[in-house]
Amino acid sequence: MSKKIVMYTTSWCGDCRNLKNQLRDNGILYEERDIEQNAADYATMMGYTNGKRVIPTLEIEGKILINPRFADVQKEVS
């Protein structure tokens, strides 16, 4: 069973785009939440990052990864 991944992102973020491509290329499913489109998602992300706007921020089964490398995400989901 795969772990649930929630990615907090924006449409213009290059790091977000790169990570999303790497996840897709490796068959890793995720739920994307655009923090500029939803105030609740923005507030959640800000809580995870101690009030700093840092994207991508991922929540994987309760663990928070802030601007992670793909290798860090792979470790969490394998």
PDB file of N, CA and C in Angstrom:
ATOM      1  N   MET A   1       0.843  -1.185   0.000  1.00  0.00           N
ATOM      2  CA  MET A   1       0.000   0.000   0.000  1.00  0.00           C
ATOM      3  C   MET A   1       0.883   1.242   0.000  1.00  0.00           C
ATOM      4  N   SER A   2       0.571   2.189  -0.871  1.00  0.00           N
ATOM      5  CA  SER A   2       1.382   3.399  -0.934  1.00  0.00           C
ATOM      6  C   SER A   2       0.918   4.407   0.108  1.00  0.00           C
ATOM      7  N   LYS A   3       1.837   5.241   0.504  1.00  0.00           N
ATOM      8  CA  LYS A   3       1.537   6.266   1.496  1.00  0.00           C
ATOM      9  C   LYS A   3       0.888   7.466   0.815  1.00  0.00           C
ATOM     10  N   LYS A   4       0.000   8.121   1.542  1.00  0.00           N
ATOM     11  CA  LYS A   4      -0.662   9.302   1.003  1.00  0.00           C
ATOM     12  C   LYS A   4       0.281  10.490   1.076  1.00  0.00           C
ATOM     13  N   ILE A   5       0.448  11.162  -0.057  1.00  0.00           N
ATOM     14  CA  ILE A   5       1.296  12.344  -0.152  1.00  0.00           C
ATOM     15  C   ILE A   5       0.418  13.536  -0.503  1.00  0.00           C
ATOM     16  N   VAL A   6       0.547  14.602   0.273  1.00  0.00           N
ATOM     17  CA  VAL A   6      -0.107  15.862  -0.041  1.00  0.00           C
ATOM     18  C   VAL A   6       1.000  16.879  -0.280  1.00  0.00           C
ATOM     19  N   MET A   7       0.983  17.502  -1.463  1.00  0.00           N
ATOM     20  CA  MET A   7       2.002  18.496  -1.810  1.00  0.00           C
ATOM     21  C   MET A   7       1.366  19.882  -1.860  1.00  0.00           C
ATOM     22  N   TYR A   8       1.905  20.786  -1.066  1.00  0.00           N
ATOM     23  CA  TYR A   8       1.484  22.193  -1.071  1.00  0.00           C
ATOM     24  C   TYR A   8       2.383  22.914  -2.058  1.00  0.00           C
ATOM     25  N   THR A   9       1.779  23.604  -3.005  1.00  0.00           N
ATOM     26  CA  THR A   9       2.508  24.125  -4.153  1.00  0.00           C
ATOM     27  C   THR A   9       1.846  25.399  -4.691  1.00  0.00           C
ATOM     28  N   THR A  10       2.434  25.961  -5.730  1.00  0.00           N
ATOM     29  CA  THR A  10       1.813  27.023  -6.527  1.00  0.00           C
ATOM     30  C   THR A  10       2.046  26.686  -7.992  1.00  0.00           C
ATOM     31  N   SER A  11       1.330  27.369  -8.867  1.00  0.00           N
ATOM     32  CA  SER A  11       1.462  27.099 -10.301  1.00  0.00           C
ATOM     33  C   SER A  11       2.795  27.579 -10.869  1.00  0.00           C
ATOM     34  N   TRP A  12       3.406  28.576 -10.256  1.00  0.00           N
ATOM     35  CA  TRP A  12       4.613  29.197 -10.810  1.00  0.00           C
ATOM     36  C   TRP A  12       5.920  28.666 -10.216  1.00  0.00           C
ATOM     37  N   CYS A  13       5.864  27.796  -9.244  1.00  0.00           N
ATOM     38  CA  CYS A  13       7.051  27.342  -8.517  1.00  0.00           C
ATOM     39  C   CYS A  13       7.850  26.304  -9.317  1.00  0.00           C
ATOM     40  N   GLY A  14       9.075  26.656  -9.676  1.00  0.00           N
ATOM     41  CA  GLY A  14       9.946  25.745 -10.422  1.00  0.00           C
ATOM     42  C   GLY A  14      10.330  24.508  -9.639  1.00  0.00           C
ATOM     43  N   ASP A  15      10.644  24.658  -8.351  1.00  0.00           N
ATOM     44  CA  ASP A  15      10.984  23.496  -7.522  1.00  0.00           C
ATOM     45  C   ASP A  15       9.794  22.545  -7.411  1.00  0.00           C
ATOM     46  N   CYS A  16       8.605  23.119  -7.301  1.00  0.00           N
ATOM     47  CA  CYS A  16       7.381  22.305  -7.245  1.00  0.00           C
ATOM     48  C   CYS A  16       7.212  21.529  -8.545  1.00  0.00           C
ATOM     49  N   ARG A  17       7.356  22.207  -9.657  1.00  0.00           N
ATOM     50  CA  ARG A  17       7.201  21.579 -10.970  1.00  0.00           C
ATOM     51  C   ARG A  17       8.198  20.433 -11.143  1.00  0.00           C
ATOM     52  N   ASN A  18       9.442  20.665 -10.757  1.00  0.00           N
ATOM     53  CA  ASN A  18      10.462  19.620 -10.884  1.00  0.00           C
ATOM     54  C   ASN A  18      10.123  18.402 -10.028  1.00  0.00           C
ATOM     55  N   LEU A  19       9.716  18.634  -8.788  1.00  0.00           N
ATOM     56  CA  LEU A  19       9.387  17.522  -7.904  1.00  0.00           C
ATOM     57  C   LEU A  19       8.156  16.771  -8.407  1.00  0.00           C
ATOM     58  N   LYS A  20       7.152  17.495  -8.876  1.00  0.00           N
ATOM     59  CA  LYS A  20       5.953  16.840  -9.418  1.00  0.00           C
ATOM     60  C   LYS A  20       6.324  15.954 -10.606  1.00  0.00           C
ATOM     61  N   ASN A  21       7.196  16.441 -11.483  1.00  0.00           N
ATOM     62  CA  ASN A  21       7.632  15.643 -12.629  1.00  0.00           C
ATOM     63  C   ASN A  21       8.365  14.386 -12.178  1.00  0.00           C
ATOM     64  N   GLN A  22       9.235  14.520 -11.187  1.00  0.00           N
ATOM     65  CA  GLN A  22       9.971  13.357 -10.691  1.00  0.00           C
ATOM     66  C   GLN A  22       9.031  12.331 -10.054  1.00  0.00           C
ATOM     67  N   LEU A  23       8.052  12.808  -9.308  1.00  0.00           N
ATOM     68  CA  LEU A  23       7.089  11.892  -8.704  1.00  0.00           C
ATOM     69  C   LEU A  23       6.301  11.161  -9.788  1.00  0.00           C
ATOM     70  N   ARG A  24       5.785  11.905 -10.769  1.00  0.00           N
ATOM     71  CA  ARG A  24       5.029  11.289 -11.862  1.00  0.00           C
ATOM     72  C   ARG A  24       5.874  10.294 -12.637  1.00  0.00           C
ATOM     73  N   ASP A  25       7.118  10.674 -12.959  1.00  0.00           N
ATOM     74  CA  ASP A  25       8.003   9.802 -13.727  1.00  0.00           C
ATOM     75  C   ASP A  25       8.298   8.501 -13.004  1.00  0.00           C
ATOM     76  N   ASN A  26       8.184   8.509 -11.682  1.00  0.00           N
ATOM     77  CA  ASN A  26       8.467   7.319 -10.884  1.00  0.00           C
ATOM     78  C   ASN A  26       7.203   6.644 -10.361  1.00  0.00           C
ATOM     79  N   GLY A  27       6.067   7.053 -10.891  1.00  0.00           N
ATOM     80  CA  GLY A  27       4.808   6.413 -10.549  1.00  0.00           C
ATOM     81  C   GLY A  27       4.352   6.638  -9.118  1.00  0.00           C
ATOM     82  N   ILE A  28       4.777   7.744  -8.521  1.00  0.00           N
ATOM     83  CA  ILE A  28       4.405   8.061  -7.140  1.00  0.00           C
ATOM     84  C   ILE A  28       3.232   9.033  -7.185  1.00  0.00           C
ATOM     85  N   LEU A  29       2.104   8.599  -6.645  1.00  0.00           N
ATOM     86  CA  LEU A  29       0.895   9.422  -6.655  1.00  0.00           C
ATOM     87  C   LEU A  29       0.934  10.442  -5.531  1.00  0.00           C
ATOM     88  N   TYR A  30       0.326  11.592  -5.789  1.00  0.00           N
ATOM     89  CA  TYR A  30       0.272  12.650  -4.780  1.00  0.00           C
ATOM     90  C   TYR A  30      -0.982  13.482  -5.018  1.00  0.00           C
ATOM     91  N   GLU A  31      -1.383  14.186  -3.976  1.00  0.00           N
ATOM     92  CA  GLU A  31      -2.498  15.129  -4.060  1.00  0.00           C
ATOM     93  C   GLU A  31      -1.899  16.526  -4.005  1.00  0.00           C
ATOM     94  N   GLU A  32      -2.209  17.332  -5.000  1.00  0.00           N
ATOM     95  CA  GLU A  32      -1.651  18.689  -5.073  1.00  0.00           C
ATOM     96  C   GLU A  32      -2.627  19.694  -4.476  1.00  0.00           C
ATOM     97  N   ARG A  33      -2.099  20.598  -3.663  1.00  0.00           N
ATOM     98  CA  ARG A  33      -2.901  21.680  -3.091  1.00  0.00           C
ATOM     99  C   ARG A  33      -2.207  23.004  -3.360  1.00  0.00           C
ATOM    100  N   ASP A  34      -2.831  23.821  -4.184  1.00  0.00           N
ATOM    101  CA  ASP A  34      -2.286  25.122  -4.565  1.00  0.00           C
ATOM    102  C   ASP A  34      -2.612  26.123  -3.451  1.00  0.00           C
ATOM    103  N   ILE A  35      -1.590  26.613  -2.786  1.00  0.00           N
ATOM    104  CA  ILE A  35      -1.792  27.492  -1.627  1.00  0.00           C
ATOM    105  C   ILE A  35      -2.311  28.868  -2.018  1.00  0.00           C
ATOM    106  N   GLU A  36      -2.225  29.214  -3.302  1.00  0.00           N
ATOM    107  CA  GLU A  36      -2.756  30.499  -3.756  1.00  0.00           C
ATOM    108  C   GLU A  36      -4.233  30.400  -4.138  1.00  0.00           C
ATOM    109  N   GLN A  37      -4.739  29.203  -4.215  1.00  0.00           N
ATOM    110  CA  GLN A  37      -6.134  28.995  -4.593  1.00  0.00           C
ATOM    111  C   GLN A  37      -7.031  28.674  -3.402  1.00  0.00           C
ATOM    112  N   ASN A  38      -6.428  28.331  -2.247  1.00  0.00           N
ATOM    113  CA  ASN A  38      -7.224  27.907  -1.104  1.00  0.00           C
ATOM    114  C   ASN A  38      -6.601  28.422   0.184  1.00  0.00           C
ATOM    115  N   ALA A  39      -7.312  29.289   0.878  1.00  0.00           N
ATOM    116  CA  ALA A  39      -6.783  29.906   2.104  1.00  0.00           C
ATOM    117  C   ALA A  39      -6.522  28.887   3.200  1.00  0.00           C
ATOM    118  N   ALA A  40      -7.345  27.856   3.282  1.00  0.00           N
ATOM    119  CA  ALA A  40      -7.141  26.824   4.310  1.00  0.00           C
ATOM    120  C   ALA A  40      -5.850  26.049   4.047  1.00  0.00           C
ATOM    121  N   ASP A  41      -5.583  25.738   2.778  1.00  0.00           N
ATOM    122  CA  ASP A  41      -4.332  25.047   2.434  1.00  0.00           C
ATOM    123  C   ASP A  41      -3.128  25.939   2.720  1.00  0.00           C
ATOM    124  N   TYR A  42      -3.263  27.221   2.430  1.00  0.00           N
ATOM    125  CA  TYR A  42      -2.183  28.176   2.733  1.00  0.00           C
ATOM    126  C   TYR A  42      -1.905  28.193   4.237  1.00  0.00           C
ATOM    127  N   ALA A  43      -2.951  28.262   5.037  1.00  0.00           N
ATOM    128  CA  ALA A  43      -2.791  28.295   6.493  1.00  0.00           C
ATOM    129  C   ALA A  43      -2.158  27.006   7.009  1.00  0.00           C
ATOM    130  N   THR A  44      -2.567  25.878   6.449  1.00  0.00           N
ATOM    131  CA  THR A  44      -1.982  24.595   6.859  1.00  0.00           C
ATOM    132  C   THR A  44      -0.494  24.568   6.558  1.00  0.00           C
ATOM    133  N   MET A  45      -0.122  24.955   5.326  1.00  0.00           N
ATOM    134  CA  MET A  45       1.285  24.972   4.931  1.00  0.00           C
ATOM    135  C   MET A  45       2.095  25.907   5.818  1.00  0.00           C
ATOM    136  N   MET A  46       1.552  27.090   6.118  1.00  0.00           N
ATOM    137  CA  MET A  46       2.261  28.045   6.973  1.00  0.00           C
ATOM    138  C   MET A  46       2.473  27.480   8.381  1.00  0.00           C
ATOM    139  N   GLY A  47       1.535  26.698   8.860  1.00  0.00           N
ATOM    140  CA  GLY A  47       1.699  26.041  10.152  1.00  0.00           C
ATOM    141  C   GLY A  47       2.823  25.015  10.132  1.00  0.00           C
ATOM    142  N   TYR A  48       2.938  24.301   9.027  1.00  0.00           N
ATOM    143  CA  TYR A  48       4.004  23.299   8.893  1.00  0.00           C
ATOM    144  C   TYR A  48       5.384  23.934   8.785  1.00  0.00           C
ATOM    145  N   THR A  49       5.453  25.153   8.264  1.00  0.00           N
ATOM    146  CA  THR A  49       6.743  25.794   7.981  1.00  0.00           C
ATOM    147  C   THR A  49       7.057  26.926   8.954  1.00  0.00           C
ATOM    148  N   ASN A  50       6.426  26.903  10.117  1.00  0.00           N
ATOM    149  CA  ASN A  50       6.672  27.912  11.152  1.00  0.00           C
ATOM    150  C   ASN A  50       6.474  29.336  10.632  1.00  0.00           C
ATOM    151  N   GLY A  51       5.427  29.528   9.845  1.00  0.00           N
ATOM    152  CA  GLY A  51       5.070  30.862   9.378  1.00  0.00           C
ATOM    153  C   GLY A  51       5.861  31.365   8.189  1.00  0.00           C
ATOM    154  N   LYS A  52       6.648  30.511   7.559  1.00  0.00           N
ATOM    155  CA  LYS A  52       7.411  30.907   6.372  1.00  0.00           C
ATOM    156  C   LYS A  52       6.781  30.268   5.146  1.00  0.00           C
ATOM    157  N   ARG A  53       6.718  31.012   4.073  1.00  0.00           N
ATOM    158  CA  ARG A  53       6.143  30.493   2.829  1.00  0.00           C
ATOM    159  C   ARG A  53       7.220  29.711   2.088  1.00  0.00           C
ATOM    160  N   VAL A  54       7.229  28.407   2.293  1.00  0.00           N
ATOM    161  CA  VAL A  54       8.229  27.535   1.681  1.00  0.00           C
ATOM    162  C   VAL A  54       7.494  26.448   0.901  1.00  0.00           C
ATOM    163  N   ILE A  55       7.728  26.422  -0.391  1.00  0.00           N
ATOM    164  CA  ILE A  55       7.126  25.405  -1.235  1.00  0.00           C
ATOM    165  C   ILE A  55       8.198  24.784  -2.120  1.00  0.00           C
ATOM    166  N   PRO A  56       8.063  23.533  -2.465  1.00  0.00           N
ATOM    167  CA  PRO A  56       7.002  22.643  -2.054  1.00  0.00           C
ATOM    168  C   PRO A  56       7.165  22.197  -0.598  1.00  0.00           C
ATOM    169  N   THR A  57       6.048  22.014   0.041  1.00  0.00           N
ATOM    170  CA  THR A  57       5.987  21.388   1.359  1.00  0.00           C
ATOM    171  C   THR A  57       5.116  20.159   1.200  1.00  0.00           C
ATOM    172  N   LEU A  58       5.600  19.030   1.709  1.00  0.00           N
ATOM    173  CA  LEU A  58       4.862  17.781   1.584  1.00  0.00           C
ATOM    174  C   LEU A  58       4.481  17.238   2.946  1.00  0.00           C
ATOM    175  N   GLU A  59       3.314  16.635   2.995  1.00  0.00           N
ATOM    176  CA  GLU A  59       2.862  15.897   4.168  1.00  0.00           C
ATOM    177  C   GLU A  59       2.716  14.447   3.720  1.00  0.00           C
ATOM    178  N   ILE A  60       3.475  13.563   4.352  1.00  0.00           N
ATOM    179  CA  ILE A  60       3.425  12.145   4.016  1.00  0.00           C
ATOM    180  C   ILE A  60       3.098  11.371   5.283  1.00  0.00           C
ATOM    181  N   GLU A  61       1.840  10.956   5.387  1.00  0.00           N
ATOM    182  CA  GLU A  61       1.396  10.165   6.541  1.00  0.00           C
ATOM    183  C   GLU A  61       1.791  10.837   7.857  1.00  0.00           C
ATOM    184  N   GLY A  62       1.596  12.144   7.946  1.00  0.00           N
ATOM    185  CA  GLY A  62       1.870  12.879   9.172  1.00  0.00           C
ATOM    186  C   GLY A  62       3.283  13.439   9.289  1.00  0.00           C
ATOM    187  N   LYS A  63       4.182  13.039   8.406  1.00  0.00           N
ATOM    188  CA  LYS A  63       5.545  13.584   8.420  1.00  0.00           C
ATOM    189  C   LYS A  63       5.612  14.744   7.429  1.00  0.00           C
ATOM    190  N   ILE A  64       6.257  15.832   7.837  1.00  0.00           N
ATOM    191  CA  ILE A  64       6.347  17.029   7.000  1.00  0.00           C
ATOM    192  C   ILE A  64       7.751  17.138   6.406  1.00  0.00           C
ATOM    193  N   LEU A  65       7.801  17.352   5.101  1.00  0.00           N
ATOM    194  CA  LEU A  65       9.064  17.583   4.397  1.00  0.00           C
ATOM    195  C   LEU A  65       8.973  18.958   3.753  1.00  0.00           C
ATOM    196  N   ILE A  66       9.915  19.816   4.083  1.00  0.00           N
ATOM    197  CA  ILE A  66       9.913  21.185   3.584  1.00  0.00           C
ATOM    198  C   ILE A  66      10.968  21.326   2.500  1.00  0.00           C
ATOM    199  N   ASN A  67      10.498  21.654   1.287  1.00  0.00           N
ATOM    200  CA  ASN A  67      11.358  21.784   0.104  1.00  0.00           C
ATOM    201  C   ASN A  67      12.317  20.597  -0.012  1.00  0.00           C
ATOM    202  N   PRO A  68      11.759  19.382  -0.048  1.00  0.00           N
ATOM    203  CA  PRO A  68      12.615  18.189  -0.047  1.00  0.00           C
ATOM    204  C   PRO A  68      13.211  17.884  -1.406  1.00  0.00           C
ATOM    205  N   ARG A  69      14.300  17.144  -1.371  1.00  0.00           N
ATOM    206  CA  ARG A  69      14.856  16.556  -2.587  1.00  0.00           C
ATOM    207  C   ARG A  69      14.032  15.317  -2.903  1.00  0.00           C
ATOM    208  N   PHE A  70      14.040  14.899  -4.153  1.00  0.00           N
ATOM    209  CA  PHE A  70      13.286  13.717  -4.551  1.00  0.00           C
ATOM    210  C   PHE A  70      13.739  12.495  -3.751  1.00  0.00           C
ATOM    211  N   ALA A  71      15.034  12.375  -3.518  1.00  0.00           N
ATOM    212  CA  ALA A  71      15.555  11.233  -2.762  1.00  0.00           C
ATOM    213  C   ALA A  71      14.952  11.161  -1.354  1.00  0.00           C
ATOM    214  N   ASP A  72      14.718  12.322  -0.739  1.00  0.00           N
ATOM    215  CA  ASP A  72      14.105  12.357   0.588  1.00  0.00           C
ATOM    216  C   ASP A  72      12.669  11.840   0.547  1.00  0.00           C
ATOM    217  N   VAL A  73      11.961  12.198  -0.511  1.00  0.00           N
ATOM    218  CA  VAL A  73      10.581  11.731  -0.667  1.00  0.00           C
ATOM    219  C   VAL A  73      10.578  10.217  -0.898  1.00  0.00           C
ATOM    220  N   GLN A  74      11.480   9.744  -1.739  1.00  0.00           N
ATOM    221  CA  GLN A  74      11.567   8.305  -2.009  1.00  0.00           C
ATOM    222  C   GLN A  74      11.782   7.508  -0.736  1.00  0.00           C
ATOM    223  N   LYS A  75      12.639   7.999   0.155  1.00  0.00           N
ATOM    224  CA  LYS A  75      12.892   7.305   1.420  1.00  0.00           C
ATOM    225  C   LYS A  75      11.620   7.171   2.242  1.00  0.00           C
ATOM    226  N   GLU A  76      10.806   8.212   2.227  1.00  0.00           N
ATOM    227  CA  GLU A  76       9.581   8.211   3.033  1.00  0.00           C
ATOM    228  C   GLU A  76       8.508   7.287   2.473  1.00  0.00           C
ATOM    229  N   VAL A  77       8.483   7.090   1.180  1.00  0.00           N
ATOM    230  CA  VAL A  77       7.406   6.305   0.580  1.00  0.00           C
ATOM    231  C   VAL A  77       7.785   4.857   0.318  1.00  0.00           C
ATOM    232  N   SER A  78       9.055   4.526   0.479  1.00  0.00           N
ATOM    233  CA  SER A  78       9.455   3.140   0.209  1.00  0.00           C
ATOM    234  C   SER A  78       9.433   2.294   1.462  1.00  0.00           C
TER     235      SER A  78
END
